[in-house]
Amino acid sequence: MSDLSKDDILNFDDLKVYPLVIPEWGGNTVYLRQLSGKEQDAFEAETRDKDGKPNILNIRARLAVAVLVDKDGNRMFSKEDVQKLANKSGIALNRIIEKSAEINRITEDDLEAIAKNS
């Protein structure tokens, strides 16, 4: 291994894409991308409303919008799609949340801390 320079770090493609089979969607495969630090921070900020109270409305769909990509890592959805995704299977969305927590190394303690700080 060698020492990384600033440019090495900034140019390194470190956001991996992972497949996930969703039985509720015909057993087909979707792809999830790891979130950047900025994206994780933005998602956590969205878990609080303007008064700092917990905002869990459509949290599954909001996370799905953040992580669902095509197999090349290009985002599939935008924030305008949250309401439409929120109407999809909660079980399917939970699968996305569980895999996203795994690939982004978000633990139960992290989720509790986010909720507590909300």
Protein backbone atom coordinates (compact mmCIF):
# COMPACT_ATOMS: atom_id res chain seq x y z
CA MET A 1 0.00 0.00 0.00
CA SER A 2 1.09 3.54 -0.58
CA ASP A 3 0.28 6.83 1.00
CA LEU A 4 -2.65 8.66 -0.54
CA SER A 5 -2.38 12.24 -1.61
CA LYS A 6 -5.15 14.79 -1.39
CA ASP A 7 -5.86 14.34 -5.11
CA ASP A 8 -5.87 10.54 -4.73
CA ILE A 9 -8.54 10.76 -2.04
CA LEU A 10 -10.67 13.33 -3.86
CA ASN A 11 -10.52 11.39 -7.13
CA PHE A 12 -11.09 7.92 -5.69
CA ASP A 13 -14.42 6.37 -6.70
CA ASP A 14 -15.48 5.00 -3.32
CA LEU A 15 -19.28 4.94 -3.63
CA LYS A 16 -20.07 1.33 -4.47
CA VAL A 17 -23.26 -0.02 -6.05
CA TYR A 18 -24.94 -3.14 -4.64
CA PRO A 19 -27.69 -5.33 -6.12
CA LEU A 20 -30.79 -6.18 -4.12
CA VAL A 21 -33.56 -8.58 -5.15
CA ILE A 22 -37.04 -7.35 -4.26
CA PRO A 23 -39.53 -10.26 -4.21
CA GLU A 24 -42.45 -7.83 -3.91
CA TRP A 25 -41.42 -6.32 -7.24
CA GLY A 26 -41.47 -9.57 -9.18
CA GLY A 27 -38.21 -10.88 -7.76
CA ASN A 28 -36.31 -8.39 -9.87
CA THR A 29 -33.06 -6.70 -8.96
CA VAL A 30 -32.66 -3.07 -7.99
CA TYR A 31 -29.37 -1.34 -7.24
CA LEU A 32 -28.42 0.72 -4.22
CA ARG A 33 -25.51 3.14 -4.04
CA GLN A 34 -23.62 4.01 -0.92
CA LEU A 35 -24.30 7.54 0.24
CA SER A 36 -21.61 10.19 0.38
CA GLY A 37 -20.99 11.92 3.69
CA LYS A 38 -22.89 14.94 2.36
CA GLU A 39 -25.86 12.77 1.35
CA GLN A 40 -25.93 11.02 4.73
CA ASP A 41 -25.86 14.38 6.52
CA ALA A 42 -28.67 15.71 4.31
CA PHE A 43 -30.79 12.63 4.94
CA GLU A 44 -30.24 12.90 8.69
CA ALA A 45 -31.16 16.60 8.56
CA GLU A 46 -34.39 15.67 6.78
CA THR A 47 -35.35 13.52 9.77
CA ARG A 48 -36.04 16.75 11.68
CA ASP A 49 -38.57 19.44 10.84
CA LYS A 50 -37.87 23.16 11.09
CA ASP A 51 -38.60 23.06 14.83
CA GLY A 52 -36.17 20.18 15.40
CA LYS A 53 -38.93 17.62 15.97
CA PRO A 54 -38.73 14.15 14.41
CA ASN A 55 -39.91 14.02 10.81
CA ILE A 56 -40.35 10.39 9.85
CA LEU A 57 -43.10 10.98 7.29
CA ASN A 58 -42.19 8.98 4.16
CA ILE A 59 -38.75 8.22 5.60
CA ARG A 60 -38.60 4.89 3.75
CA ALA A 61 -39.39 6.52 0.42
CA ARG A 62 -36.99 9.38 1.10
CA LEU A 63 -34.17 6.94 1.73
CA ALA A 64 -35.14 4.92 -1.36
CA VAL A 65 -34.89 8.08 -3.47
CA ALA A 66 -31.43 8.71 -2.05
CA VAL A 67 -30.03 5.22 -2.70
CA LEU A 68 -31.82 3.68 -5.70
CA VAL A 69 -29.69 3.83 -8.83
CA ASP A 70 -29.36 1.98 -12.12
CA LYS A 71 -26.59 -0.61 -12.44
CA ASP A 72 -24.18 2.12 -13.55
CA GLY A 73 -24.79 4.13 -10.36
CA ASN A 74 -27.01 6.84 -11.87
CA ARG A 75 -29.85 8.03 -9.67
CA MET A 76 -33.27 6.78 -10.73
CA PHE A 77 -35.48 9.06 -8.67
CA SER A 78 -35.67 12.64 -7.45
CA LYS A 79 -37.32 14.20 -4.42
CA GLU A 80 -40.40 14.78 -6.57
CA ASP A 81 -40.85 10.97 -6.64
CA VAL A 82 -41.06 10.52 -2.85
CA GLN A 83 -44.86 10.52 -2.71
CA LYS A 84 -45.12 7.95 -5.50
CA LEU A 85 -42.55 5.66 -3.88
CA ALA A 86 -44.26 6.07 -0.52
CA ASN A 87 -47.26 4.28 -2.02
CA LYS A 88 -45.20 1.19 -2.89
CA SER A 89 -44.89 -1.91 -0.69
CA GLY A 90 -43.69 -1.10 2.80
CA ILE A 91 -42.00 -4.51 2.89
CA ALA A 92 -40.07 -3.70 -0.30
CA LEU A 93 -39.11 -0.29 1.08
CA ASN A 94 -38.00 -1.93 4.34
CA ARG A 95 -35.72 -4.23 2.33
CA ILE A 96 -34.15 -1.12 0.81
CA ILE A 97 -33.72 0.48 4.25
CA GLU A 98 -32.13 -2.67 5.68
CA LYS A 99 -29.67 -3.05 2.79
CA SER A 100 -28.92 0.67 2.81
CA ALA A 101 -28.14 0.52 6.54
CA GLU A 102 -25.82 -2.41 5.86
CA ILE A 103 -23.90 -0.87 2.94
CA ASN A 104 -23.65 2.52 4.64
CA ARG A 105 -22.64 0.96 7.97
CA ILE A 106 -25.57 2.53 9.78
CA THR A 107 -26.15 0.63 13.02
CA GLU A 108 -29.21 0.43 15.24
CA ASP A 109 -27.33 2.71 17.66
CA ASP A 110 -26.83 5.23 14.86
CA LEU A 111 -30.53 5.16 14.01
CA GLU A 112 -31.44 5.61 17.68
CA ALA A 113 -28.98 8.51 18.00
CA ILE A 114 -30.52 10.20 14.95
CA ALA A 115 -33.99 9.78 16.44
CA LYS A 116 -32.81 10.93 19.88
CA ASN A 117 -31.16 14.04 18.42
CA SER A 118 -34.27 14.75 16.41
